[in-house]
Amino acid sequence: MWAPTDPRWNERVRVLEHRKLGPRDIRAFLAAARGARAVILRGSVSFGERYRDLVLAMAAKRLKNRPAVVITDATWEQTSSAVERRLPARVRPLVPLVARAAMHLVDGPRVHYCVLSSAEVDTFPGIWGVDPDRVHFTPFPHTLYDAALDAPTSDGGYVFAGGNSLRDYDLLEAAVAGTGIEVHIAAKWQGRGAKNVHARVLTHEQFMADLAGCGVCVVPLHRTVRSAGQQTYLNAMALGKLVIVTDAPGVSDYIEDGVTGVIAPPEPDALRAAIVDALDPERSGHYREVAARGRDVARTTFNEYAYRRELLAIASEATEGIS
């Protein structure tokens, strides 16, 4: 977590370079961890990254003087499509059991978990069998830097939706069926061929250009035990775009319905009504005000500096009593 413009972070944190997981990297981590009161690890590492930071959390337990361990972005489920599609069908039901067993190797009395919604503070301990006192809500930030925040935007009149994690694009397609509303979806999803819905995989630059040019950003979410979509809708809000997000864990932590954005029930008719209303020219003044308030809250409350302050506070609290 490099933060070149954050002196408070850099005064207290030594950042290790990201590398592929290997014996040399584990040794380098352990050498650094021996002199630290706390280590902050990324819980969002994927199968493709060999779950690097979670393996490092296991390794930290081998140290004689263990530091506190703070794991960010612990938005986890016990299933993993990335893992399961590589396994024979008969073995896939064992994945949740393996995941829970791996969690026991990670967990310990000095390990703290940062989740991205208040709902997960309640659900995470029961799912993973950890102490509720070591689970913390750390609101996620928008991830745009000054150049992106200062870039010009426009209103192309289309609806933009993007991202792959827990997205329900079938719901969005059903919601706009027969409306003629143009929808651009940046994702791997393939729909039923509606002429007004255009889905494709975009580069980051193309993704940002489509987002900057949309009239409304819609984030349709599946309801599961974990939160998702924060980066997409917070970035849209930070650009001054009106966001419509379907109700799911975490959404109300970031959006005040009708004030800084719109939270719609996860049903086609309700989502359609929200989109049609947002694109109604007679309602444009109201939604400009909503988008402006959303922009302000994303930039002032849900930013990278506030996020790192939360992590430092949790790390500091976690080290109390460690000599």
Protein backbone atom coordinates (compact mmCIF):
# COMPACT_ATOMS: atom_id res chain seq x y z
CA MET A 1 0.00 0.00 0.00
CA TRP A 2 2.24 2.74 -1.33
CA ALA A 3 1.19 6.23 -0.21
CA PRO A 4 3.73 8.80 -1.45
CA THR A 5 1.52 11.77 -0.49
CA ASP A 6 0.65 10.55 3.01
CA PRO A 7 3.44 11.49 5.46
CA ARG A 8 1.60 10.11 8.50
CA TRP A 9 1.41 6.68 6.89
CA ASN A 10 5.03 6.75 5.75
CA GLU A 11 6.26 7.77 9.20
CA ARG A 12 4.79 4.63 10.71
CA VAL A 13 4.70 2.04 7.93
CA ARG A 14 7.44 0.27 6.02
CA VAL A 15 5.98 -0.92 2.73
CA LEU A 16 7.27 -4.19 1.24
CA GLU A 17 7.25 -4.56 -2.53
CA HIS A 18 4.65 -6.93 -3.98
CA ARG A 19 6.22 -10.11 -5.35
CA LYS A 20 5.12 -13.57 -6.33
CA LEU A 21 5.01 -15.87 -3.35
CA GLY A 22 8.15 -17.94 -2.89
CA PRO A 23 10.59 -19.00 -0.15
CA ARG A 24 12.71 -15.86 -0.61
CA ASP A 25 9.66 -13.63 -0.23
CA ILE A 26 8.52 -15.41 2.91
CA ARG A 27 11.99 -15.02 4.43
CA ALA A 28 12.05 -11.30 3.55
CA PHE A 29 8.62 -10.83 5.13
CA LEU A 30 9.59 -12.65 8.31
CA ALA A 31 12.77 -10.59 8.61
CA ALA A 32 10.75 -7.37 8.38
CA ALA A 33 7.99 -8.67 10.68
CA ARG A 34 10.45 -9.49 13.47
CA GLY A 35 11.06 -5.80 13.99
CA ALA A 36 7.45 -4.69 13.66
CA ARG A 37 4.76 -4.27 16.27
CA ALA A 38 2.12 -4.93 13.61
CA VAL A 39 1.93 -6.07 10.01
CA ILE A 40 -0.83 -5.04 7.61
CA LEU A 41 -1.67 -7.61 4.93
CA ARG A 42 -4.04 -7.59 1.97
CA GLY A 43 -6.99 -9.92 2.32
CA SER A 44 -8.04 -9.28 -1.27
CA VAL A 45 -5.25 -11.43 -2.74
CA SER A 46 -6.58 -13.94 -5.25
CA PHE A 47 -5.92 -17.49 -6.38
CA GLY A 48 -3.77 -16.03 -9.15
CA GLU A 49 -1.60 -14.38 -6.48
CA ARG A 50 -1.33 -17.71 -4.65
CA TYR A 51 -3.20 -16.10 -1.74
CA ARG A 52 0.19 -14.58 -0.89
CA ASP A 53 -0.70 -12.36 2.07
CA LEU A 54 -2.78 -15.06 3.74
CA VAL A 55 0.18 -17.43 3.52
CA LEU A 56 2.30 -14.67 5.08
CA ALA A 57 -0.23 -14.39 7.91
CA MET A 58 0.27 -18.11 8.54
CA ALA A 59 4.05 -17.61 8.48
CA ALA A 60 3.87 -14.78 11.03
CA LYS A 61 2.53 -17.23 13.60
CA ARG A 62 5.94 -18.94 13.55
CA LEU A 63 7.70 -15.89 14.97
CA LYS A 64 8.76 -16.03 18.59
CA ASN A 65 7.62 -12.46 19.26
CA ARG A 66 4.57 -12.32 17.08
CA PRO A 67 3.45 -8.94 15.78
CA ALA A 68 -0.21 -8.07 15.56
CA VAL A 69 -1.60 -8.93 12.13
CA VAL A 70 -4.19 -6.69 10.46
CA ILE A 71 -5.79 -8.17 7.34
CA THR A 72 -7.52 -5.65 5.09
CA ASP A 73 -10.42 -6.25 2.70
CA ALA A 74 -11.48 -9.52 4.29
CA THR A 75 -14.57 -9.79 2.08
CA TRP A 76 -14.43 -13.56 1.84
CA GLU A 77 -16.74 -16.44 1.04
CA GLN A 78 -16.03 -20.09 1.74
CA THR A 79 -16.52 -20.93 -1.93
CA SER A 80 -14.24 -19.82 -4.78
CA SER A 81 -15.19 -20.10 -8.44
CA ALA A 82 -11.53 -19.60 -9.42
CA VAL A 83 -10.54 -22.65 -7.41
CA GLU A 84 -13.61 -24.78 -8.08
CA ARG A 85 -13.46 -24.58 -11.87
CA ARG A 86 -9.99 -26.13 -11.70
CA LEU A 87 -11.22 -29.10 -9.69
CA PRO A 88 -13.21 -32.22 -10.60
CA ALA A 89 -16.92 -31.86 -9.83
CA ARG A 90 -16.78 -34.53 -7.10
CA VAL A 91 -14.13 -32.56 -5.19
CA ARG A 92 -15.75 -29.11 -5.33
CA PRO A 93 -18.03 -29.62 -2.29
CA LEU A 94 -14.87 -29.91 -0.18
CA VAL A 95 -13.72 -26.35 -0.97
CA PRO A 96 -15.62 -24.72 1.96
CA LEU A 97 -14.13 -27.27 4.35
CA VAL A 98 -10.63 -26.57 3.08
CA ALA A 99 -11.26 -22.82 3.30
CA ARG A 100 -12.33 -23.05 6.92
CA ALA A 101 -9.34 -25.27 7.73
CA ALA A 102 -7.03 -22.72 6.11
CA MET A 103 -8.64 -20.02 8.22
CA HIS A 104 -7.60 -21.86 11.37
CA LEU A 105 -4.00 -21.66 10.13
CA VAL A 106 -4.37 -17.91 9.63
CA ASP A 107 -6.32 -17.04 12.77
CA GLY A 108 -4.90 -16.29 16.19
CA PRO A 109 -5.48 -13.97 19.14
CA ARG A 110 -3.40 -11.21 17.52
CA VAL A 111 -5.03 -11.40 14.08
CA HIS A 112 -7.56 -8.71 13.21
CA TYR A 113 -9.86 -8.66 10.18
CA CYS A 114 -11.07 -5.57 8.35
CA VAL A 115 -14.38 -5.95 6.51
CA LEU A 116 -15.98 -3.44 4.17
CA SER A 117 -19.49 -3.30 5.59
CA SER A 118 -21.15 -3.06 8.97
CA ALA A 119 -23.19 -6.17 8.12
CA GLU A 120 -20.04 -8.26 7.84
CA VAL A 121 -18.99 -7.27 11.35
CA ASP A 122 -21.96 -9.41 12.43
CA THR A 123 -21.74 -12.23 9.86
CA PHE A 124 -17.97 -12.73 9.46
CA PRO A 125 -17.28 -14.14 12.97
CA GLY A 126 -19.95 -16.81 12.66
CA ILE A 127 -18.94 -17.85 9.16
CA TRP A 128 -15.24 -18.14 9.95
CA GLY A 129 -15.31 -18.98 13.65
CA VAL A 130 -13.28 -15.99 14.84
CA ASP A 131 -13.56 -13.65 17.82
CA PRO A 132 -16.05 -10.84 17.00
CA ASP A 133 -13.83 -8.37 18.90
CA ARG A 134 -11.19 -8.83 16.20
CA VAL A 135 -13.46 -7.94 13.28
CA HIS A 136 -13.61 -4.26 12.26
CA PHE A 137 -15.52 -2.23 9.70
CA THR A 138 -13.12 -0.13 7.62
CA PRO A 139 -15.04 1.87 5.00
CA PHE A 140 -13.47 1.41 1.57
CA PRO A 141 -12.24 4.51 -0.31
CA HIS A 142 -12.64 5.65 -3.88
CA THR A 143 -9.47 4.77 -5.79
CA LEU A 144 -9.06 7.74 -8.13
CA TYR A 145 -6.00 9.97 -8.10
CA ASP A 146 -5.98 13.69 -8.82
CA ALA A 147 -5.52 13.32 -12.58
CA ALA A 148 -8.64 11.16 -12.84
CA LEU A 149 -10.63 13.35 -10.46
CA ASP A 150 -9.76 16.45 -12.49
CA ALA A 151 -10.46 14.86 -15.89
CA PRO A 152 -13.50 16.22 -17.77
CA THR A 153 -16.75 14.26 -17.72
CA SER A 154 -19.83 14.37 -19.92
CA ASP A 155 -23.37 13.01 -20.06
CA GLY A 156 -23.70 10.65 -22.99
CA GLY A 157 -27.21 9.66 -21.96
CA TYR A 158 -26.37 5.97 -21.52
CA VAL A 159 -26.31 3.80 -18.43
CA PHE A 160 -22.92 2.42 -17.44
CA ALA A 161 -22.33 -0.69 -15.35
CA GLY A 162 -18.99 -2.36 -14.72
CA GLY A 163 -17.10 -4.92 -12.69
CA ASN A 164 -17.40 -8.67 -12.24
CA SER A 165 -17.55 -9.36 -8.52
CA LEU A 166 -21.05 -10.42 -7.42
CA ARG A 167 -22.70 -8.46 -10.24
CA ASP A 168 -26.25 -9.36 -11.30
CA TYR A 169 -26.33 -8.20 -14.90
CA ASP A 170 -29.23 -10.51 -15.67
CA LEU A 171 -31.24 -8.30 -13.32
CA LEU A 172 -30.09 -5.14 -15.12
CA GLU A 173 -30.90 -6.61 -18.54
CA ALA A 174 -34.37 -7.57 -17.35
CA ALA A 175 -34.87 -4.11 -15.88
CA VAL A 176 -34.16 -2.27 -19.16
CA ALA A 177 -35.93 -4.78 -21.42
CA GLY A 178 -38.25 -2.95 -23.80
CA THR A 179 -37.22 0.51 -22.62
CA GLY A 180 -34.79 1.40 -25.39
CA ILE A 181 -32.37 2.74 -22.74
CA GLU A 182 -28.79 2.28 -23.94
CA VAL A 183 -26.68 0.30 -21.48
CA HIS A 184 -22.92 -0.22 -21.58
CA ILE A 185 -21.62 -3.09 -19.42
CA ALA A 186 -17.89 -3.50 -18.84
CA ALA A 187 -17.63 -7.13 -17.73
CA LYS A 188 -17.16 -10.72 -18.87
CA TRP A 189 -20.91 -11.28 -18.66
CA GLN A 190 -22.82 -12.34 -21.78
CA GLY A 191 -26.53 -11.58 -21.84
CA ARG A 192 -29.44 -12.71 -23.93
CA GLY A 193 -28.67 -10.39 -26.81
CA ALA A 194 -30.88 -7.40 -26.04
CA LYS A 195 -30.15 -4.77 -28.69
CA ASN A 196 -29.94 -1.93 -26.18
CA VAL A 197 -27.45 -3.74 -23.91
CA HIS A 198 -23.79 -3.78 -24.98
CA ALA A 199 -21.36 -5.86 -22.92
CA ARG A 200 -17.63 -6.21 -23.45
CA VAL A 201 -14.37 -6.46 -21.54
CA LEU A 202 -12.60 -3.10 -21.37
CA THR A 203 -9.11 -1.94 -20.48
CA HIS A 204 -8.85 0.27 -17.41
CA GLU A 205 -8.58 3.35 -19.65
CA GLN A 206 -11.67 2.36 -21.64
CA PHE A 207 -13.54 1.55 -18.43
CA MET A 208 -12.82 5.01 -17.03
CA ALA A 209 -13.74 6.71 -20.32
CA ASP A 210 -17.10 4.92 -20.42
CA LEU A 211 -17.72 5.78 -16.78
CA ALA A 212 -16.80 9.44 -17.31
CA GLY A 213 -19.20 9.69 -20.27
CA CYS A 214 -22.28 8.01 -18.81
CA GLY A 215 -25.50 9.62 -17.65
CA VAL A 216 -26.04 7.20 -14.76
CA CYS A 217 -23.91 4.47 -13.19
CA VAL A 218 -25.85 1.37 -12.14
CA VAL A 219 -24.33 -1.34 -9.93
CA PRO A 220 -26.64 -4.39 -9.75
CA LEU A 221 -25.49 -6.74 -7.00
CA HIS A 222 -26.18 -10.28 -5.93
CA ARG A 223 -27.10 -10.52 -2.27
CA THR A 224 -24.62 -12.75 -0.43
CA VAL A 225 -22.89 -12.72 2.95
CA ARG A 226 -20.21 -10.32 1.76
CA SER A 227 -20.20 -6.85 0.28
CA ALA A 228 -19.03 -5.88 -3.20
CA GLY A 229 -19.06 -3.08 -5.74
CA GLN A 230 -17.75 -0.28 -3.51
CA GLN A 231 -14.87 0.65 -5.80
CA THR A 232 -17.14 1.05 -8.82
CA TYR A 233 -19.86 3.12 -7.23
CA LEU A 234 -17.53 5.22 -5.07
CA ASN A 235 -15.37 6.06 -8.10
CA ALA A 236 -18.52 7.01 -10.02
CA MET A 237 -19.68 9.19 -7.13
CA ALA A 238 -16.26 10.85 -6.91
CA LEU A 239 -16.60 11.78 -10.59
CA GLY A 240 -19.97 13.38 -9.88
CA LYS A 241 -22.06 10.63 -11.45
CA LEU A 242 -25.45 9.63 -10.11
CA VAL A 243 -25.27 6.06 -8.86
CA ILE A 244 -28.09 3.53 -8.59
CA VAL A 245 -27.09 0.47 -6.56
CA THR A 246 -29.30 -2.48 -5.72
CA ASP A 247 -29.70 -3.20 -2.03
CA ALA A 248 -27.07 -5.61 -0.71
CA PRO A 249 -24.71 -5.84 2.29
CA GLY A 250 -22.75 -2.62 2.73
CA VAL A 251 -24.58 -0.39 0.28
CA SER A 252 -26.30 1.71 2.94
CA ASP A 253 -22.93 2.20 4.68
CA TYR A 254 -21.79 4.27 1.73
CA ILE A 255 -24.95 5.67 0.12
CA GLU A 256 -27.80 7.55 1.73
CA ASP A 257 -30.81 6.70 -0.41
CA GLY A 258 -32.19 9.74 -2.20
CA VAL A 259 -29.49 11.98 -0.72
CA THR A 260 -26.13 10.87 -2.11
CA GLY A 261 -27.35 8.18 -4.50
CA VAL A 262 -30.21 5.75 -5.08
CA ILE A 263 -30.59 2.34 -3.46
CA ALA A 264 -33.05 0.20 -5.41
CA PRO A 265 -34.63 -3.11 -4.39
CA PRO A 266 -33.02 -6.00 -6.32
CA GLU A 267 -36.08 -6.56 -8.52
CA PRO A 268 -36.46 -5.77 -12.25
CA ASP A 269 -39.51 -3.51 -11.87
CA ALA A 270 -37.98 -1.49 -9.02
CA LEU A 271 -34.64 -1.11 -10.78
CA ARG A 272 -36.38 -0.12 -14.01
CA ALA A 273 -38.40 2.54 -12.20
CA ALA A 274 -35.24 3.96 -10.60
CA ILE A 275 -33.38 4.13 -13.93
CA VAL A 276 -36.30 5.66 -15.83
CA ASP A 277 -36.79 8.27 -13.13
CA ALA A 278 -33.07 9.12 -13.09
CA LEU A 279 -33.09 9.69 -16.86
CA ASP A 280 -36.29 11.75 -16.86
CA PRO A 281 -35.36 15.32 -18.02
CA GLU A 282 -37.92 16.78 -15.63
CA ARG A 283 -36.05 15.17 -12.72
CA SER A 284 -32.59 16.25 -13.85
CA GLY A 285 -32.30 19.09 -11.34
CA HIS A 286 -33.04 16.81 -8.40
CA TYR A 287 -30.55 14.18 -9.52
CA ARG A 288 -27.84 16.74 -10.22
CA GLU A 289 -28.10 17.72 -6.55
CA VAL A 290 -27.97 14.06 -5.46
CA ALA A 291 -24.90 13.46 -7.65
CA ALA A 292 -23.20 16.58 -6.28
CA ARG A 293 -23.74 15.44 -2.68
CA GLY A 294 -22.47 11.98 -3.64
CA ARG A 295 -19.35 13.55 -5.12
CA ASP A 296 -18.67 15.49 -1.94
CA VAL A 297 -19.12 12.54 0.40
CA ALA A 298 -16.99 10.24 -1.76
CA ARG A 299 -14.14 12.74 -1.86
CA THR A 300 -14.24 13.91 1.74
CA THR A 301 -15.36 10.80 3.67
CA PHE A 302 -14.51 7.77 1.53
CA ASN A 303 -10.97 8.62 0.50
CA GLU A 304 -7.62 6.87 0.78
CA TYR A 305 -6.41 9.04 3.69
CA ALA A 306 -9.42 8.21 5.84
CA TYR A 307 -9.03 4.52 4.97
CA ARG A 308 -5.38 4.44 6.04
CA ARG A 309 -6.22 6.32 9.26
CA GLU A 310 -8.63 3.49 10.11
CA LEU A 311 -5.99 0.85 9.44
CA LEU A 312 -3.42 2.65 11.59
CA ALA A 313 -5.92 3.00 14.42
CA ILE A 314 -6.74 -0.71 14.31
CA ALA A 315 -3.06 -1.66 14.13
CA SER A 316 -2.32 0.61 17.10
CA GLU A 317 -5.16 -0.88 19.15
CA ALA A 318 -4.09 -4.39 18.19
CA THR A 319 -0.58 -3.82 19.57
CA GLU A 320 -1.76 -2.84 23.05
CA GLY A 321 -0.29 -5.24 25.54
CA ILE A 322 2.36 -6.52 23.12
CA SER A 323 5.81 -5.97 24.61
